[in-house]
């Protein structure tokens, strides 16, 4: 694999990974918020 393709692949890979991590941490935040709301009731 040449360097241009490798660089393009790594950019796509890392941007997708960051998107997944952001989505995952967002989901965790929402779940934690829902748990806190249900406890406070």
C-alpha atoms as a PDB file:
ATOM      1  CA  UNK A   1       0.000   0.000   0.000  1.00  0.00           C
ATOM      2  CA  UNK A   2       1.477   3.366  -0.972  1.00  0.00           C
ATOM      3  CA  UNK A   3       1.775   6.260   1.469  1.00  0.00           C
ATOM      4  CA  UNK A   4      -1.059   8.344  -0.009  1.00  0.00           C
ATOM      5  CA  UNK A   5      -3.565   5.507   0.337  1.00  0.00           C
ATOM      6  CA  UNK A   6      -2.271   4.718   3.823  1.00  0.00           C
ATOM      7  CA  UNK A   7      -2.613   8.348   4.888  1.00  0.00           C
ATOM      8  CA  UNK A   8      -6.126   8.581   3.459  1.00  0.00           C
ATOM      9  CA  UNK A   9      -7.086   5.339   5.191  1.00  0.00           C
ATOM     10  CA  UNK A  10      -5.714   6.523   8.541  1.00  0.00           C
ATOM     11  CA  UNK A  11      -7.562   9.860   8.257  1.00  0.00           C
ATOM     12  CA  UNK A  12     -10.846   8.069   7.529  1.00  0.00           C
ATOM     13  CA  UNK A  13     -10.156   5.513  10.270  1.00  0.00           C
ATOM     14  CA  UNK A  14      -9.385   8.124  12.930  1.00  0.00           C
ATOM     15  CA  UNK A  15     -12.305  10.389  12.018  1.00  0.00           C
ATOM     16  CA  UNK A  16     -14.668   7.409  12.206  1.00  0.00           C
ATOM     17  CA  UNK A  17     -13.123   6.309  15.499  1.00  0.00           C
ATOM     18  CA  UNK A  18     -13.549   9.806  16.933  1.00  0.00           C
ATOM     19  CA  UNK A  19     -17.179   9.840  15.742  1.00  0.00           C
ATOM     20  CA  UNK A  20     -17.824   6.477  17.441  1.00  0.00           C
ATOM     21  CA  UNK A  21     -16.152   7.634  20.668  1.00  0.00           C
ATOM     22  CA  UNK A  22     -18.151  10.879  20.692  1.00  0.00           C
ATOM     23  CA  UNK A  23     -21.379   8.945  20.102  1.00  0.00           C
ATOM     24  CA  UNK A  24     -20.483   6.426  22.828  1.00  0.00           C
ATOM     25  CA  UNK A  25     -19.592   9.069  25.427  1.00  0.00           C
ATOM     26  CA  UNK A  26     -22.754  10.984  24.499  1.00  0.00           C
ATOM     27  CA  UNK A  27     -24.831   7.841  25.038  1.00  0.00           C
ATOM     28  CA  UNK A  28     -23.120   7.240  28.399  1.00  0.00           C
ATOM     29  CA  UNK A  29     -23.852  10.844  29.407  1.00  0.00           C
ATOM     30  CA  UNK A  30     -27.546  10.459  28.509  1.00  0.00           C
ATOM     31  CA  UNK A  31     -27.800   7.149  30.381  1.00  0.00           C
ATOM     32  CA  UNK A  32     -26.139   8.656  33.447  1.00  0.00           C
ATOM     33  CA  UNK A  33     -28.471  11.673  33.295  1.00  0.00           C
ATOM     34  CA  UNK A  34     -31.534   9.401  33.030  1.00  0.00           C
ATOM     35  CA  UNK A  35     -30.310   7.329  35.978  1.00  0.00           C
ATOM     36  CA  UNK A  36     -29.801  10.477  38.058  1.00  0.00           C
ATOM     37  CA  UNK A  37     -33.303  11.730  37.146  1.00  0.00           C
ATOM     38  CA  UNK A  38     -34.906   8.412  38.105  1.00  0.00           C
ATOM     39  CA  UNK A  39     -33.013   8.373  41.439  1.00  0.00           C
ATOM     40  CA  UNK A  40     -34.058  11.933  42.308  1.00  0.00           C
ATOM     41  CA  UNK A  41     -37.763  11.189  41.754  1.00  0.00           C
END
